[in-house]
Amino acid sequence: MIVDYYRGFRIEVTAQHVDGAWDAEVRVRRTLSDGKPHVDRVMCHKSTAKAAEDRAVRYARRWVDRSGVRTRPPPEPP
């Protein structure tokens, strides 16, 4: 699952089946940047892959909100 352009960041989530439950791997990358992405594993132990991905997307959005990196709003057209 990919959520494009959340406050200037690209969020990629991949569900992984571990020990009978679903967890997720999250990659958060600044849009139009060659920098390394923030990679984290969300241990959510959900019963379905979709539920794990949804939880991981919420986690990633909170990380973006708290990371302190602010993006400038797009310039207004002339």
Protein backbone atom coordinates (compact mmCIF):
# COMPACT_ATOMS: atom_id res chain seq x y z
CA MET A 1 0.00 0.00 0.00
CA ILE A 2 1.37 3.41 -0.92
CA VAL A 3 0.02 6.73 0.33
CA ASP A 4 1.40 9.48 -1.90
CA TYR A 5 2.05 13.04 -0.85
CA TYR A 6 1.18 13.14 2.83
CA ARG A 7 2.57 16.55 3.82
CA GLY A 8 5.37 16.26 1.30
CA PHE A 9 6.29 12.66 2.15
CA ARG A 10 5.72 9.34 0.39
CA ILE A 11 4.61 6.51 2.67
CA GLU A 12 5.09 2.88 1.61
CA VAL A 13 3.68 0.05 3.73
CA THR A 14 4.25 -3.68 3.29
CA ALA A 15 2.42 -6.27 5.41
CA GLN A 16 4.45 -9.23 6.68
CA HIS A 17 3.11 -12.47 8.14
CA VAL A 18 5.03 -13.27 11.35
CA ASP A 19 4.23 -15.99 13.90
CA GLY A 20 0.58 -16.34 12.85
CA ALA A 21 -0.17 -12.60 12.85
CA TRP A 22 0.40 -9.65 10.53
CA ASP A 23 2.93 -6.88 11.15
CA ALA A 24 4.06 -4.19 8.71
CA GLU A 25 7.20 -2.50 7.43
CA VAL A 26 6.98 1.25 6.86
CA ARG A 27 9.16 3.42 4.61
CA VAL A 28 8.74 7.19 4.80
CA ARG A 29 10.61 9.23 2.21
CA ARG A 30 10.55 12.94 1.53
CA THR A 31 9.04 13.58 -1.89
CA LEU A 32 11.53 14.60 -4.60
CA SER A 33 14.49 13.77 -2.38
CA ASP A 34 17.37 11.34 -2.83
CA GLY A 35 17.86 11.06 0.93
CA LYS A 36 17.56 7.78 2.79
CA PRO A 37 14.03 6.86 3.85
CA HIS A 38 12.96 6.39 7.46
CA VAL A 39 12.33 2.64 7.79
CA ASP A 40 10.53 1.11 10.74
CA ARG A 41 8.77 -2.13 11.59
CA VAL A 42 5.35 -1.78 13.19
CA MET A 43 4.58 -4.70 15.50
CA CYS A 44 0.80 -4.60 15.40
CA HIS A 45 -0.12 -8.34 15.51
CA LYS A 46 -3.32 -7.92 13.47
CA SER A 47 -5.39 -10.77 12.07
CA THR A 48 -5.36 -9.53 8.45
CA ALA A 49 -2.81 -7.88 6.19
CA LYS A 50 -5.20 -5.00 5.44
CA ALA A 51 -5.64 -4.23 9.16
CA ALA A 52 -1.86 -4.26 9.67
CA GLU A 53 -1.32 -1.93 6.70
CA ASP A 54 -4.00 0.48 7.92
CA ARG A 55 -2.39 0.59 11.37
CA ALA A 56 1.05 1.16 9.85
CA VAL A 57 -0.22 4.05 7.71
CA ARG A 58 -1.61 5.74 10.84
CA TYR A 59 1.75 5.19 12.56
CA ALA A 60 3.65 6.69 9.62
CA ARG A 61 1.39 9.74 9.42
CA ARG A 62 1.94 10.37 13.13
CA TRP A 63 5.68 10.02 12.60
CA VAL A 64 5.54 12.65 9.83
CA ASP A 65 3.44 14.94 12.03
CA ARG A 66 5.89 14.62 14.95
CA SER A 67 9.16 14.52 13.04
CA GLY A 68 9.43 18.30 13.13
CA VAL A 69 10.07 18.54 9.40
CA ARG A 70 7.78 21.14 8.00
CA THR A 71 7.16 21.60 4.34
CA ARG A 72 6.47 24.92 2.77
CA PRO A 73 3.07 25.39 1.21
CA PRO A 74 3.10 25.49 -2.60
CA PRO A 75 3.59 28.97 -4.05
CA GLU A 76 0.49 30.82 -5.08
CA PRO A 77 0.03 31.32 -8.82
CA PRO A 78 0.66 34.87 -10.10
